[in-house]
Amino acid sequence: MSTKLFEAALGIQAPWFITGIQFDEQASQLRIQVDFPPGTRFAHRDGGTAAHPVYDTELKRFRHLNFFQHECVLEVRVPRVRLANGSVRVVDPPWAGQLPGFTLLFEALILALCQQMPFAAVARLVGLSWHRVHAIATRYVALAVASQDLRAVRHLAIDETSRARGHQYLTLAADAEARRVIAVVPERDAAAITGVAQWLEGQGGDPQAIEQVSIDMLPAYEEGVATEFPNATVTYDKFHVVAHATEVLDETRRLEQRTAPDLKGMRWILLKDRRALTRAEQGSLDQLLNRLRSRRTARAWQYRATLRELLSCRQINVCGPPCGAGVPRCCDRPSNR
């Protein structure tokens, strides 16, 4: 009964069956022996659909999901079959993973954990080395990348990220509609955009068919997009657009405070989101906004607040809450209709 129970729990089906179960209490390890009946014939991907006789066998060990808190290992007598052309091939059992020594379910657990925590933490949790965890993740990423079909991609979102100290960058390209990364190339220059276009083309996509590209305001990206995606409409990332407006606001305050001492000490009040200000800071901001006609800094803050509201719109006449006193929402303005 215990053998049948473990076969059902592990998904072991004919011709495979469990021949023995051993528990090593000292090593905290459960070992399960798996075999197949004599005379069984197996198909192999290199030999078509025909079943081939077993030439010999070899013992392989597969790390499986833990049995409660104990490590579980499958010890399997794996057959080697002789094909019609005389060559001998190993037949992997259906539960074998992509890397030698692991089951598919164990590798699935590793992948799920790697999405939530660093490789070193995963390695400590499952009792493997960092290198084995990294090898499993790398293998599945490579398989996923190789199977990409990018023929339907029409909208790209491109941005850079730092990968190490010393101003070392990567360029990431994502399918803006499917919301998934499709390419990662080194650097953040025009050549990186060329690399994205070449990768897209290599996976069945067409750079000429790209209709929209979202980028930040790097001149090198603009140059690369104009060359590699000539039919695309460029959309600037709203974070960088607002960042430019914030720089102008800060520069306006810096210039105006030379003749308006009351602006001193207002820098962070002006740069922070209104909702992050204390009540006293909000009062100081409102006093400044009441002087829109006489303070260029107040007008610059209002222009940035209006820009944020416009960029938060998902469709016409639909936007977020007002930024503050005296700043109407974009959907409340007749000019937005």
Protein backbone atom coordinates (compact mmCIF):
# COMPACT_ATOMS: atom_id res chain seq x y z
CA MET A 1 0.00 0.00 0.00
CA SER A 2 2.82 2.44 0.83
CA THR A 3 4.44 1.70 -2.55
CA LYS A 4 1.21 2.43 -4.42
CA LEU A 5 0.71 5.57 -2.39
CA PHE A 6 4.17 6.89 -3.27
CA GLU A 7 3.70 5.99 -6.93
CA ALA A 8 0.48 8.03 -7.01
CA ALA A 9 2.04 10.94 -5.12
CA LEU A 10 5.12 11.04 -7.38
CA GLY A 11 3.17 10.50 -10.60
CA ILE A 12 5.08 7.34 -11.47
CA GLN A 13 3.21 5.38 -14.14
CA ALA A 14 3.76 2.14 -16.06
CA PRO A 15 6.14 0.79 -17.10
CA TRP A 16 7.92 2.49 -14.17
CA PHE A 17 7.25 1.26 -10.62
CA ILE A 18 8.74 1.61 -7.13
CA THR A 19 10.83 -1.32 -5.94
CA GLY A 20 11.87 -0.02 -2.54
CA ILE A 21 11.68 2.84 -0.07
CA GLN A 22 14.47 3.58 2.42
CA PHE A 23 14.62 6.30 5.05
CA ASP A 24 17.99 7.38 6.44
CA GLU A 25 17.16 9.11 9.71
CA GLN A 26 20.73 10.19 10.36
CA ALA A 27 21.07 11.85 6.94
CA SER A 28 17.42 13.00 7.03
CA GLN A 29 16.97 11.56 3.53
CA LEU A 30 14.25 9.49 1.89
CA ARG A 31 15.49 7.27 -0.96
CA ILE A 32 13.01 5.74 -3.38
CA GLN A 33 14.14 3.05 -5.86
CA VAL A 34 12.42 3.02 -9.26
CA ASP A 35 12.68 0.31 -11.93
CA PHE A 36 10.88 -1.13 -14.97
CA PRO A 37 9.89 -4.72 -15.90
CA PRO A 38 12.31 -6.88 -17.94
CA GLY A 39 11.55 -6.93 -21.65
CA THR A 40 10.14 -3.38 -21.68
CA ARG A 41 10.79 -1.47 -24.88
CA PHE A 42 11.17 2.35 -24.97
CA ALA A 43 10.80 5.00 -27.63
CA HIS A 44 13.50 7.65 -28.11
CA ARG A 45 13.30 11.06 -29.80
CA ASP A 46 16.16 10.10 -32.14
CA GLY A 47 14.42 6.92 -33.23
CA GLY A 48 10.96 8.15 -34.18
CA THR A 49 7.84 6.64 -32.65
CA ALA A 50 9.07 3.03 -32.69
CA ALA A 51 9.85 1.26 -29.38
CA HIS A 52 13.39 -0.07 -29.05
CA PRO A 53 14.86 -2.89 -26.95
CA VAL A 54 16.91 -2.11 -23.87
CA TYR A 55 20.65 -2.43 -24.43
CA ASP A 56 21.70 -1.96 -20.80
CA THR A 57 20.92 0.22 -17.79
CA GLU A 58 22.63 2.72 -15.52
CA LEU A 59 21.67 3.99 -12.08
CA LYS A 60 20.77 7.68 -11.86
CA ARG A 61 19.78 9.79 -8.88
CA PHE A 62 17.20 12.59 -9.11
CA ARG A 63 16.65 15.17 -6.37
CA HIS A 64 12.91 15.55 -5.81
CA LEU A 65 10.70 17.77 -3.63
CA ASN A 66 11.28 17.29 0.08
CA PHE A 67 9.25 14.71 1.97
CA PHE A 68 8.10 16.94 4.83
CA GLN A 69 11.44 18.33 6.08
CA HIS A 70 13.50 15.43 4.67
CA GLU A 71 15.42 15.42 1.40
CA CYS A 72 13.87 13.08 -1.18
CA VAL A 73 15.99 11.31 -3.82
CA LEU A 74 14.79 9.00 -6.59
CA GLU A 75 17.26 6.22 -7.45
CA VAL A 76 16.23 5.11 -10.94
CA ARG A 77 17.51 2.28 -13.12
CA VAL A 78 17.56 4.19 -16.41
CA PRO A 79 17.60 2.19 -19.67
CA ARG A 80 19.79 2.70 -22.71
CA VAL A 81 18.21 1.52 -25.96
CA ARG A 82 19.70 0.43 -29.26
CA LEU A 83 18.23 2.31 -32.22
CA ALA A 84 17.70 0.89 -35.71
CA ASN A 85 20.98 2.43 -36.91
CA GLY A 86 22.89 0.62 -34.17
CA SER A 87 23.55 3.64 -31.94
CA VAL A 88 22.80 3.50 -28.21
CA ARG A 89 20.85 6.28 -26.48
CA VAL A 90 19.83 6.96 -22.87
CA VAL A 91 16.06 7.15 -22.25
CA ASP A 92 15.31 9.76 -19.61
CA PRO A 93 12.25 9.06 -17.43
CA PRO A 94 9.30 11.42 -17.94
CA TRP A 95 9.88 13.21 -14.62
CA ALA A 96 13.54 14.08 -15.38
CA GLY A 97 14.36 17.79 -15.37
CA GLN A 98 16.42 19.85 -17.79
CA LEU A 99 19.59 19.45 -15.71
CA PRO A 100 21.02 16.06 -14.72
CA GLY A 101 20.12 15.02 -11.19
CA PHE A 102 16.82 16.87 -10.71
CA THR A 103 13.15 16.15 -11.32
CA LEU A 104 10.91 18.56 -13.19
CA LEU A 105 8.93 19.38 -10.05
CA PHE A 106 12.09 20.19 -8.09
CA GLU A 107 13.30 22.50 -10.87
CA ALA A 108 9.86 24.13 -10.94
CA LEU A 109 10.21 24.84 -7.22
CA ILE A 110 13.65 26.39 -7.79
CA LEU A 111 12.26 28.66 -10.53
CA ALA A 112 9.35 29.77 -8.35
CA LEU A 113 11.70 30.62 -5.47
CA CYS A 114 14.17 32.44 -7.75
CA GLN A 115 11.40 34.84 -8.74
CA GLN A 116 11.02 35.91 -5.10
CA MET A 117 14.51 35.82 -3.57
CA PRO A 118 18.24 35.87 -4.44
CA PHE A 119 19.96 32.72 -5.68
CA ALA A 120 22.02 32.47 -2.47
CA ALA A 121 18.87 32.43 -0.33
CA VAL A 122 17.29 29.76 -2.56
CA ALA A 123 20.45 27.67 -2.34
CA ARG A 124 20.38 27.77 1.47
CA LEU A 125 16.69 26.92 1.57
CA VAL A 126 16.88 23.82 -0.65
CA GLY A 127 20.37 22.68 0.34
CA LEU A 128 22.11 23.19 -3.01
CA SER A 129 25.12 25.24 -4.06
CA TRP A 130 24.62 28.71 -5.56
CA HIS A 131 26.06 27.40 -8.83
CA ARG A 132 23.47 24.62 -9.18
CA VAL A 133 20.59 27.03 -8.53
CA HIS A 134 22.06 29.47 -11.05
CA ALA A 135 22.49 26.69 -13.62
CA ILE A 136 18.83 25.63 -13.31
CA ALA A 137 17.55 29.21 -13.69
CA THR A 138 19.92 29.90 -16.60
CA ARG A 139 18.83 26.76 -18.43
CA TYR A 140 15.13 27.59 -18.27
CA VAL A 141 15.69 31.23 -19.20
CA ALA A 142 17.65 30.07 -22.25
CA LEU A 143 14.82 27.70 -23.23
CA ALA A 144 12.22 30.45 -22.82
CA VAL A 145 14.28 32.94 -24.82
CA ALA A 146 14.89 30.43 -27.63
CA SER A 147 11.17 29.70 -27.93
CA GLN A 148 10.14 33.37 -28.24
CA ASP A 149 7.97 34.24 -31.22
CA LEU A 150 8.06 38.02 -31.69
CA ARG A 151 6.18 38.27 -34.98
CA ALA A 152 3.19 39.98 -33.36
CA VAL A 153 5.18 42.67 -31.51
CA ARG A 154 4.14 46.19 -32.55
CA HIS A 155 4.78 48.33 -29.45
CA LEU A 156 8.12 48.48 -27.64
CA ALA A 157 9.08 49.98 -24.28
CA ILE A 158 12.84 50.56 -23.98
CA ASP A 159 14.73 51.67 -20.87
CA GLU A 160 18.14 51.32 -19.26
CA THR A 161 19.17 49.94 -15.89
CA SER A 162 22.44 49.80 -13.96
CA ARG A 163 23.93 46.33 -13.69
CA ALA A 164 27.06 47.09 -11.64
CA ARG A 165 29.09 49.84 -10.13
CA GLY A 166 31.13 52.10 -12.37
CA HIS A 167 28.38 53.23 -14.75
CA GLN A 168 27.79 49.85 -16.36
CA TYR A 169 24.36 49.70 -17.95
CA LEU A 170 21.98 47.37 -19.74
CA THR A 171 19.21 48.24 -22.17
CA LEU A 172 15.92 46.38 -21.68
CA ALA A 173 13.26 46.12 -24.36
CA ALA A 174 9.74 44.95 -23.51
CA ASP A 175 6.62 44.15 -25.48
CA ALA A 176 4.45 47.01 -24.20
CA GLU A 177 1.21 45.14 -24.96
CA ALA A 178 2.16 41.74 -23.53
CA ARG A 179 4.08 43.44 -20.69
CA ARG A 180 7.10 41.15 -20.87
CA VAL A 181 10.80 41.68 -21.46
CA ILE A 182 11.90 40.38 -24.85
CA ALA A 183 15.53 41.54 -25.11
CA VAL A 184 18.42 42.60 -22.88
CA VAL A 185 21.53 44.09 -24.51
CA PRO A 186 24.65 45.77 -23.09
CA GLU A 187 25.15 49.55 -22.76
CA ARG A 188 22.64 52.37 -23.31
CA ASP A 189 23.61 53.87 -26.65
CA ALA A 190 22.45 53.76 -30.25
CA ALA A 191 24.24 50.44 -30.72
CA ALA A 192 22.03 48.99 -27.97
CA ILE A 193 18.94 49.89 -30.01
CA THR A 194 20.55 48.18 -33.00
CA GLY A 195 21.02 45.10 -30.82
CA VAL A 196 17.33 45.16 -29.86
CA ALA A 197 16.33 45.36 -33.54
CA GLN A 198 18.63 42.48 -34.47
CA TRP A 199 17.28 40.33 -31.66
CA LEU A 200 13.71 41.13 -32.66
CA GLU A 201 14.43 40.15 -36.24
CA GLY A 202 16.19 36.95 -35.15
CA GLN A 203 13.07 35.88 -33.24
CA GLY A 204 10.72 36.37 -36.18
CA GLY A 205 9.84 40.04 -35.57
CA ASP A 206 10.04 42.87 -38.09
CA PRO A 207 11.62 46.21 -37.07
CA GLN A 208 9.74 47.89 -39.91
CA ALA A 209 6.43 46.78 -38.39
CA ILE A 210 7.03 48.45 -35.03
CA GLU A 211 4.41 51.18 -34.64
CA GLN A 212 5.27 52.74 -31.26
CA VAL A 213 8.40 52.94 -29.13
CA SER A 214 8.47 54.34 -25.60
CA ILE A 215 11.90 55.60 -24.49
CA ASP A 216 13.42 58.05 -22.07
CA MET A 217 14.96 61.22 -23.43
CA LEU A 218 18.48 59.93 -24.11
CA PRO A 219 19.69 61.37 -27.44
CA ALA A 220 21.42 58.06 -28.24
CA TYR A 221 18.10 56.20 -27.91
CA GLU A 222 16.36 58.74 -30.14
CA GLU A 223 19.07 58.29 -32.77
CA GLY A 224 18.89 54.50 -32.59
CA VAL A 225 15.09 54.37 -32.79
CA ALA A 226 15.03 56.72 -35.80
CA THR A 227 17.46 54.40 -37.61
CA GLU A 228 16.21 50.96 -36.59
CA PHE A 229 12.45 51.57 -36.23
CA PRO A 230 11.73 54.21 -38.91
CA ASN A 231 7.95 53.65 -38.92
CA ALA A 232 7.52 53.97 -35.15
CA THR A 233 5.99 56.88 -33.26
CA VAL A 234 8.19 57.84 -30.30
CA THR A 235 6.62 58.31 -26.87
CA TYR A 236 8.76 59.69 -24.05
CA ASP A 237 8.65 58.01 -20.68
CA LYS A 238 6.52 60.18 -18.41
CA PHE A 239 8.91 59.76 -15.48
CA HIS A 240 11.66 61.51 -17.42
CA VAL A 241 9.29 64.17 -18.74
CA VAL A 242 8.26 65.06 -15.19
CA ALA A 243 11.91 64.89 -14.11
CA HIS A 244 12.76 67.59 -16.65
CA ALA A 245 9.90 69.72 -15.36
CA THR A 246 11.20 69.22 -11.81
CA GLU A 247 14.68 70.38 -12.86
CA VAL A 248 13.17 73.54 -14.39
CA LEU A 249 11.14 74.15 -11.22
CA ASP A 250 14.24 73.87 -9.04
CA GLU A 251 16.25 76.15 -11.32
CA THR A 252 13.42 78.73 -11.29
CA ARG A 253 13.37 78.69 -7.48
CA ARG A 254 17.14 79.02 -7.31
CA LEU A 255 17.12 82.10 -9.55
CA GLU A 256 14.09 83.77 -7.98
CA GLN A 257 15.18 83.37 -4.38
CA ARG A 258 18.00 85.87 -5.04
CA THR A 259 15.37 88.58 -4.98
CA ALA A 260 12.76 86.75 -2.89
CA PRO A 261 14.29 85.58 0.41
CA ASP A 262 11.01 83.93 1.48
CA LEU A 263 11.75 81.13 -1.01
CA LYS A 264 14.77 79.99 0.97
CA GLY A 265 14.13 76.66 2.69
CA MET A 266 11.34 75.82 0.22
CA ARG A 267 13.32 73.48 -2.01
CA TRP A 268 12.11 70.12 -0.67
CA ILE A 269 8.59 71.42 -0.14
CA LEU A 270 8.44 72.22 -3.85
CA LEU A 271 10.11 69.03 -5.06
CA LYS A 272 8.21 66.50 -2.92
CA ASP A 273 4.75 65.23 -3.73
CA ARG A 274 2.11 67.32 -1.94
CA ARG A 275 0.66 64.22 -0.28
CA ALA A 276 4.05 63.55 1.37
CA LEU A 277 4.18 66.99 3.02
CA THR A 278 3.32 67.72 6.62
CA ARG A 279 0.40 70.02 7.38
CA ALA A 280 2.79 72.91 8.09
CA GLU A 281 4.63 72.32 4.81
CA GLN A 282 1.35 72.21 2.91
CA GLY A 283 0.44 75.57 4.50
CA SER A 284 3.73 77.09 3.30
CA LEU A 285 3.11 75.71 -0.20
CA ASP A 286 -0.43 77.13 -0.29
CA GLN A 287 0.86 80.56 0.74
CA LEU A 288 3.24 80.47 -2.21
CA LEU A 289 0.54 79.30 -4.64
CA ASN A 290 -1.66 82.22 -3.60
CA ARG A 291 0.95 84.46 -5.22
CA LEU A 292 0.84 82.99 -8.72
CA ARG A 293 0.93 86.39 -10.40
CA SER A 294 4.03 87.61 -8.56
CA ARG A 295 6.03 84.41 -8.14
CA ARG A 296 7.47 82.58 -11.14
CA THR A 297 8.29 79.64 -8.86
CA ALA A 298 4.59 79.26 -7.97
CA ARG A 299 3.66 79.19 -11.64
CA ALA A 300 6.41 76.66 -12.38
CA TRP A 301 5.06 74.39 -9.59
CA GLN A 302 1.56 74.68 -11.02
CA TYR A 303 2.77 73.88 -14.53
CA ARG A 304 4.49 70.72 -13.23
CA ALA A 305 1.36 69.72 -11.26
CA THR A 306 -0.76 70.17 -14.37
CA LEU A 307 1.73 68.11 -16.41
CA ARG A 308 1.52 65.29 -13.87
CA GLU A 309 -2.27 65.32 -14.07
CA LEU A 310 -2.23 65.21 -17.86
CA LEU A 311 0.21 62.29 -17.85
CA SER A 312 -1.92 60.38 -15.34
CA CYS A 313 -4.95 60.39 -17.66
CA ARG A 314 -5.88 56.98 -19.02
CA GLN A 315 -8.46 58.39 -21.42
CA ILE A 316 -10.17 61.69 -22.15
CA ASN A 317 -11.83 63.27 -19.09
CA VAL A 318 -10.51 60.56 -16.74
CA CYS A 319 -7.69 61.40 -14.36
CA GLY A 320 -6.62 61.26 -10.74
CA PRO A 321 -7.38 63.49 -7.76
CA PRO A 322 -6.34 67.17 -7.76
CA CYS A 323 -2.74 67.88 -6.79
CA GLY A 324 -3.69 70.65 -4.40
CA ALA A 325 -5.37 73.97 -3.80
CA GLY A 326 -5.83 76.06 -6.91
CA VAL A 327 -4.85 73.21 -9.26
CA PRO A 328 -7.89 71.80 -11.09
CA ARG A 329 -7.83 68.33 -12.54
CA CYS A 330 -7.14 68.02 -16.26
CA CYS A 331 -10.57 66.46 -16.80
CA ASP A 332 -12.20 69.53 -15.25
CA ARG A 333 -10.80 71.80 -17.95
CA PRO A 334 -12.91 72.43 -21.08
CA SER A 335 -9.74 72.49 -23.22
CA ASN A 336 -9.27 68.76 -22.60
CA ARG A 337 -12.46 67.83 -24.40
